[in-house]
PDB file of N, CA and C in Angstrom:
ATOM      1  N   MET A   1     -14.335  -1.586 -14.506  1.00  0.00           N
ATOM      2  CA  MET A   1     -13.328  -2.630 -14.400  1.00  0.00           C
ATOM      3  C   MET A   1     -12.218  -2.335 -15.401  1.00  0.00           C
ATOM      4  N   SER A   2     -11.018  -2.609 -14.995  1.00  0.00           N
ATOM      5  CA  SER A   2      -9.871  -2.447 -15.878  1.00  0.00           C
ATOM      6  C   SER A   2      -9.960  -3.458 -17.007  1.00  0.00           C
ATOM      7  N   ASN A   3      -9.271  -3.162 -18.088  1.00  0.00           N
ATOM      8  CA  ASN A   3      -9.220  -4.115 -19.193  1.00  0.00           C
ATOM      9  C   ASN A   3      -8.155  -5.157 -18.881  1.00  0.00           C
ATOM     10  N   LEU A   4      -8.586  -6.250 -18.286  1.00  0.00           N
ATOM     11  CA  LEU A   4      -7.673  -7.325 -17.915  1.00  0.00           C
ATOM     12  C   LEU A   4      -7.729  -8.431 -18.962  1.00  0.00           C
ATOM     13  N   SER A   5      -6.587  -9.001 -19.238  1.00  0.00           N
ATOM     14  CA  SER A   5      -6.553 -10.113 -20.174  1.00  0.00           C
ATOM     15  C   SER A   5      -7.067 -11.375 -19.475  1.00  0.00           C
ATOM     16  N   GLU A   6      -7.316 -12.396 -20.267  1.00  0.00           N
ATOM     17  CA  GLU A   6      -7.788 -13.659 -19.710  1.00  0.00           C
ATOM     18  C   GLU A   6      -6.751 -14.256 -18.757  1.00  0.00           C
ATOM     19  N   VAL A   7      -5.488 -14.131 -19.113  1.00  0.00           N
ATOM     20  CA  VAL A   7      -4.412 -14.652 -18.262  1.00  0.00           C
ATOM     21  C   VAL A   7      -4.376 -13.890 -16.935  1.00  0.00           C
ATOM     22  N   GLU A   8      -4.528 -12.575 -17.001  1.00  0.00           N
ATOM     23  CA  GLU A   8      -4.537 -11.780 -15.778  1.00  0.00           C
ATOM     24  C   GLU A   8      -5.721 -12.145 -14.891  1.00  0.00           C
ATOM     25  N   LEU A   9      -6.870 -12.372 -15.493  1.00  0.00           N
ATOM     26  CA  LEU A   9      -8.038 -12.791 -14.720  1.00  0.00           C
ATOM     27  C   LEU A   9      -7.814 -14.155 -14.076  1.00  0.00           C
ATOM     28  N   GLN A  10      -7.211 -15.071 -14.801  1.00  0.00           N
ATOM     29  CA  GLN A  10      -6.900 -16.386 -14.240  1.00  0.00           C
ATOM     30  C   GLN A  10      -5.912 -16.264 -13.083  1.00  0.00           C
ATOM     31  N   ASN A  11      -4.913 -15.409 -13.249  1.00  0.00           N
ATOM     32  CA  ASN A  11      -3.938 -15.192 -12.173  1.00  0.00           C
ATOM     33  C   ASN A  11      -4.603 -14.590 -10.941  1.00  0.00           C
ATOM     34  N   LEU A  12      -5.482 -13.619 -11.151  1.00  0.00           N
ATOM     35  CA  LEU A  12      -6.215 -13.021 -10.034  1.00  0.00           C
ATOM     36  C   LEU A  12      -7.059 -14.069  -9.322  1.00  0.00           C
ATOM     37  N   ARG A  13      -7.746 -14.890 -10.078  1.00  0.00           N
ATOM     38  CA  ARG A  13      -8.592 -15.946  -9.500  1.00  0.00           C
ATOM     39  C   ARG A  13      -7.737 -16.883  -8.650  1.00  0.00           C
ATOM     40  N   HIS A  14      -6.577 -17.235  -9.172  1.00  0.00           N
ATOM     41  CA  HIS A  14      -5.668 -18.128  -8.453  1.00  0.00           C
ATOM     42  C   HIS A  14      -5.179 -17.477  -7.156  1.00  0.00           C
ATOM     43  N   LEU A  15      -4.767 -16.230  -7.228  1.00  0.00           N
ATOM     44  CA  LEU A  15      -4.269 -15.522  -6.049  1.00  0.00           C
ATOM     45  C   LEU A  15      -5.363 -15.326  -5.005  1.00  0.00           C
ATOM     46  N   ILE A  16      -6.546 -14.920  -5.460  1.00  0.00           N
ATOM     47  CA  ILE A  16      -7.665 -14.699  -4.540  1.00  0.00           C
ATOM     48  C   ILE A  16      -8.039 -16.008  -3.842  1.00  0.00           C
ATOM     49  N   GLY A  17      -8.083 -17.085  -4.608  1.00  0.00           N
ATOM     50  CA  GLY A  17      -8.387 -18.394  -4.020  1.00  0.00           C
ATOM     51  C   GLY A  17      -7.333 -18.814  -3.006  1.00  0.00           C
ATOM     52  N   GLY A  18      -6.074 -18.543  -3.313  1.00  0.00           N
ATOM     53  CA  GLY A  18      -4.990 -18.883  -2.393  1.00  0.00           C
ATOM     54  C   GLY A  18      -5.084 -18.115  -1.082  1.00  0.00           C
ATOM     55  N   PHE A  19      -5.361 -16.822  -1.174  1.00  0.00           N
ATOM     56  CA  PHE A  19      -5.502 -16.024   0.044  1.00  0.00           C
ATOM     57  C   PHE A  19      -6.729 -16.455   0.843  1.00  0.00           C
ATOM     58  N   ASP A  20      -7.799 -16.836   0.143  1.00  0.00           N
ATOM     59  CA  ASP A  20      -8.994 -17.313   0.837  1.00  0.00           C
ATOM     60  C   ASP A  20      -8.698 -18.612   1.587  1.00  0.00           C
ATOM     61  N   THR A  21      -7.972 -19.509   0.946  1.00  0.00           N
ATOM     62  CA  THR A  21      -7.588 -20.762   1.588  1.00  0.00           C
ATOM     63  C   THR A  21      -6.712 -20.496   2.810  1.00  0.00           C
ATOM     64  N   CYS A  22      -5.732 -19.608   2.658  1.00  0.00           N
ATOM     65  CA  CYS A  22      -4.855 -19.258   3.787  1.00  0.00           C
ATOM     66  C   CYS A  22      -5.667 -18.684   4.938  1.00  0.00           C
ATOM     67  N   HIS A  23      -6.590 -17.797   4.613  1.00  0.00           N
ATOM     68  CA  HIS A  23      -7.423 -17.181   5.645  1.00  0.00           C
ATOM     69  C   HIS A  23      -8.190 -18.244   6.424  1.00  0.00           C
ATOM     70  N   CYS A  24      -8.825 -19.155   5.716  1.00  0.00           N
ATOM     71  CA  CYS A  24      -9.611 -20.211   6.370  1.00  0.00           C
ATOM     72  C   CYS A  24      -8.736 -21.111   7.236  1.00  0.00           C
ATOM     73  N   LYS A  25      -7.604 -21.512   6.711  1.00  0.00           N
ATOM     74  CA  LYS A  25      -6.705 -22.397   7.464  1.00  0.00           C
ATOM     75  C   LYS A  25      -6.151 -21.697   8.705  1.00  0.00           C
ATOM     76  N   LEU A  26      -5.708 -20.458   8.539  1.00  0.00           N
ATOM     77  CA  LEU A  26      -5.138 -19.737   9.675  1.00  0.00           C
ATOM     78  C   LEU A  26      -6.180 -19.464  10.754  1.00  0.00           C
ATOM     79  N   GLN A  27      -7.417 -19.211  10.352  1.00  0.00           N
ATOM     80  CA  GLN A  27      -8.493 -19.040  11.332  1.00  0.00           C
ATOM     81  C   GLN A  27      -8.706 -20.330  12.116  1.00  0.00           C
ATOM     82  N   GLU A  28      -8.683 -21.439  11.421  1.00  0.00           N
ATOM     83  CA  GLU A  28      -8.864 -22.733  12.065  1.00  0.00           C
ATOM     84  C   GLU A  28      -7.705 -23.021  13.013  1.00  0.00           C
ATOM     85  N   TYR A  29      -6.486 -22.732  12.590  1.00  0.00           N
ATOM     86  CA  TYR A  29      -5.328 -22.922  13.471  1.00  0.00           C
ATOM     87  C   TYR A  29      -5.462 -22.051  14.721  1.00  0.00           C
ATOM     88  N   ALA A  30      -5.927 -20.808  14.544  1.00  0.00           N
ATOM     89  CA  ALA A  30      -6.094 -19.903  15.679  1.00  0.00           C
ATOM     90  C   ALA A  30      -7.132 -20.451  16.661  1.00  0.00           C
ATOM     91  N   LYS A  31      -8.202 -21.033  16.140  1.00  0.00           N
ATOM     92  CA  LYS A  31      -9.236 -21.615  17.012  1.00  0.00           C
ATOM     93  C   LYS A  31      -8.673 -22.736  17.872  1.00  0.00           C
ATOM     94  N   GLU A  32      -7.775 -23.509  17.296  1.00  0.00           N
ATOM     95  CA  GLU A  32      -7.231 -24.677  17.980  1.00  0.00           C
ATOM     96  C   GLU A  32      -6.046 -24.348  18.896  1.00  0.00           C
ATOM     97  N   ALA A  33      -5.454 -23.183  18.714  1.00  0.00           N
ATOM     98  CA  ALA A  33      -4.264 -22.821  19.492  1.00  0.00           C
ATOM     99  C   ALA A  33      -4.626 -22.583  20.954  1.00  0.00           C
ATOM    100  N   THR A  34      -3.783 -23.067  21.836  1.00  0.00           N
ATOM    101  CA  THR A  34      -4.004 -22.853  23.269  1.00  0.00           C
ATOM    102  C   THR A  34      -3.094 -21.758  23.810  1.00  0.00           C
ATOM    103  N   ASP A  35      -1.939 -21.588  23.205  1.00  0.00           N
ATOM    104  CA  ASP A  35      -1.009 -20.537  23.617  1.00  0.00           C
ATOM    105  C   ASP A  35      -1.481 -19.199  23.041  1.00  0.00           C
ATOM    106  N   THR A  36      -1.534 -18.185  23.879  1.00  0.00           N
ATOM    107  CA  THR A  36      -2.043 -16.868  23.473  1.00  0.00           C
ATOM    108  C   THR A  36      -1.229 -16.260  22.334  1.00  0.00           C
ATOM    109  N   LYS A  37       0.090 -16.350  22.428  1.00  0.00           N
ATOM    110  CA  LYS A  37       0.939 -15.755  21.388  1.00  0.00           C
ATOM    111  C   LYS A  37       0.780 -16.485  20.055  1.00  0.00           C
ATOM    112  N   VAL A  38       0.660 -17.794  20.116  1.00  0.00           N
ATOM    113  CA  VAL A  38       0.456 -18.578  18.893  1.00  0.00           C
ATOM    114  C   VAL A  38      -0.902 -18.232  18.282  1.00  0.00           C
ATOM    115  N   LYS A  39      -1.919 -18.131  19.139  1.00  0.00           N
ATOM    116  CA  LYS A  39      -3.267 -17.782  18.677  1.00  0.00           C
ATOM    117  C   LYS A  39      -3.251 -16.419  17.981  1.00  0.00           C
ATOM    118  N   GLN A  40      -2.588 -15.441  18.598  1.00  0.00           N
ATOM    119  CA  GLN A  40      -2.499 -14.103  18.014  1.00  0.00           C
ATOM    120  C   GLN A  40      -1.750 -14.117  16.694  1.00  0.00           C
ATOM    121  N   PHE A  41      -0.698 -14.927  16.626  1.00  0.00           N
ATOM    122  CA  PHE A  41       0.078 -15.058  15.389  1.00  0.00           C
ATOM    123  C   PHE A  41      -0.808 -15.526  14.245  1.00  0.00           C
ATOM    124  N   PHE A  42      -1.596 -16.572  14.485  1.00  0.00           N
ATOM    125  CA  PHE A  42      -2.475 -17.104  13.443  1.00  0.00           C
ATOM    126  C   PHE A  42      -3.616 -16.139  13.118  1.00  0.00           C
ATOM    127  N   GLU A  43      -4.145 -15.468  14.118  1.00  0.00           N
ATOM    128  CA  GLU A  43      -5.216 -14.489  13.872  1.00  0.00           C
ATOM    129  C   GLU A  43      -4.711 -13.332  13.011  1.00  0.00           C
ATOM    130  N   LYS A  44      -3.493 -12.878  13.310  1.00  0.00           N
ATOM    131  CA  LYS A  44      -2.901 -11.793  12.520  1.00  0.00           C
ATOM    132  C   LYS A  44      -2.675 -12.239  11.076  1.00  0.00           C
ATOM    133  N   GLY A  45      -2.199 -13.456  10.901  1.00  0.00           N
ATOM    134  CA  GLY A  45      -2.012 -14.005   9.556  1.00  0.00           C
ATOM    135  C   GLY A  45      -3.321 -14.127   8.796  1.00  0.00           C
ATOM    136  N   ALA A  46      -4.367 -14.575   9.491  1.00  0.00           N
ATOM    137  CA  ALA A  46      -5.682 -14.714   8.860  1.00  0.00           C
ATOM    138  C   ALA A  46      -6.214 -13.351   8.431  1.00  0.00           C
ATOM    139  N   GLN A  47      -6.032 -12.365   9.281  1.00  0.00           N
ATOM    140  CA  GLN A  47      -6.477 -11.009   8.955  1.00  0.00           C
ATOM    141  C   GLN A  47      -5.718 -10.461   7.743  1.00  0.00           C
ATOM    142  N   SER A  48      -4.430 -10.691   7.711  1.00  0.00           N
ATOM    143  CA  SER A  48      -3.607 -10.235   6.595  1.00  0.00           C
ATOM    144  C   SER A  48      -4.038 -10.904   5.286  1.00  0.00           C
ATOM    145  N   ALA A  49      -4.295 -12.193   5.338  1.00  0.00           N
ATOM    146  CA  ALA A  49      -4.736 -12.916   4.138  1.00  0.00           C
ATOM    147  C   ALA A  49      -6.070 -12.350   3.631  1.00  0.00           C
ATOM    148  N   MET A  50      -6.979 -12.032   4.549  1.00  0.00           N
ATOM    149  CA  MET A  50      -8.277 -11.469   4.147  1.00  0.00           C
ATOM    150  C   MET A  50      -8.093 -10.089   3.527  1.00  0.00           C
ATOM    151  N   GLN A  51      -7.209  -9.284   4.105  1.00  0.00           N
ATOM    152  CA  GLN A  51      -6.960  -7.954   3.546  1.00  0.00           C
ATOM    153  C   GLN A  51      -6.369  -8.056   2.142  1.00  0.00           C
ATOM    154  N   ASN A  52      -5.450  -8.992   1.954  1.00  0.00           N
ATOM    155  CA  ASN A  52      -4.861  -9.183   0.629  1.00  0.00           C
ATOM    156  C   ASN A  52      -5.917  -9.632  -0.381  1.00  0.00           C
ATOM    157  N   LYS A  53      -6.780 -10.543   0.042  1.00  0.00           N
ATOM    158  CA  LYS A  53      -7.858 -11.008  -0.834  1.00  0.00           C
ATOM    159  C   LYS A  53      -8.762  -9.834  -1.233  1.00  0.00           C
ATOM    160  N   GLN A  54      -9.150  -9.027  -0.265  1.00  0.00           N
ATOM    161  CA  GLN A  54     -10.033  -7.891  -0.532  1.00  0.00           C
ATOM    162  C   GLN A  54      -9.363  -6.875  -1.464  1.00  0.00           C
ATOM    163  N   GLU A  55      -8.080  -6.684  -1.281  1.00  0.00           N
ATOM    164  CA  GLU A  55      -7.340  -5.750  -2.143  1.00  0.00           C
ATOM    165  C   GLU A  55      -7.331  -6.252  -3.586  1.00  0.00           C
ATOM    166  N   LEU A  56      -7.123  -7.541  -3.761  1.00  0.00           N
ATOM    167  CA  LEU A  56      -7.132  -8.116  -5.115  1.00  0.00           C
ATOM    168  C   LEU A  56      -8.525  -8.077  -5.734  1.00  0.00           C
ATOM    169  N   MET A  57      -9.543  -8.225  -4.924  1.00  0.00           N
ATOM    170  CA  MET A  57     -10.924  -8.205  -5.424  1.00  0.00           C
ATOM    171  C   MET A  57     -11.272  -6.859  -6.059  1.00  0.00           C
ATOM    172  N   LYS A  58     -10.588  -5.802  -5.645  1.00  0.00           N
ATOM    173  CA  LYS A  58     -10.849  -4.469  -6.184  1.00  0.00           C
ATOM    174  C   LYS A  58     -10.550  -4.427  -7.685  1.00  0.00           C
ATOM    175  N   PHE A  59      -9.639  -5.272  -8.154  1.00  0.00           N
ATOM    176  CA  PHE A  59      -9.324  -5.311  -9.585  1.00  0.00           C
ATOM    177  C   PHE A  59     -10.489  -5.846 -10.401  1.00  0.00           C
ATOM    178  N   LEU A  60     -11.436  -6.510  -9.748  1.00  0.00           N
ATOM    179  CA  LEU A  60     -12.570  -7.112 -10.460  1.00  0.00           C
ATOM    180  C   LEU A  60     -13.775  -6.176 -10.517  1.00  0.00           C
ATOM    181  N   GLN A  61     -13.662  -5.020  -9.890  1.00  0.00           N
ATOM    182  CA  GLN A  61     -14.797  -4.076  -9.876  1.00  0.00           C
ATOM    183  C   GLN A  61     -14.734  -3.141 -11.051  1.00  0.00           C
TER     184      GLN A  61
END
């Protein structure tokens, strides 16, 4: 693990939590969408949020 300061760890926690929240919300919106293009839009957003979360998690290894 990199030598991260306490502030950096707090910032990472905040960002990771935000992306996790976005992922969950966008997945839920996609489930409820009836229009195919809207559904795909939300699914793509959810996937992007998960990828961003996973990328940030690498800093904690």
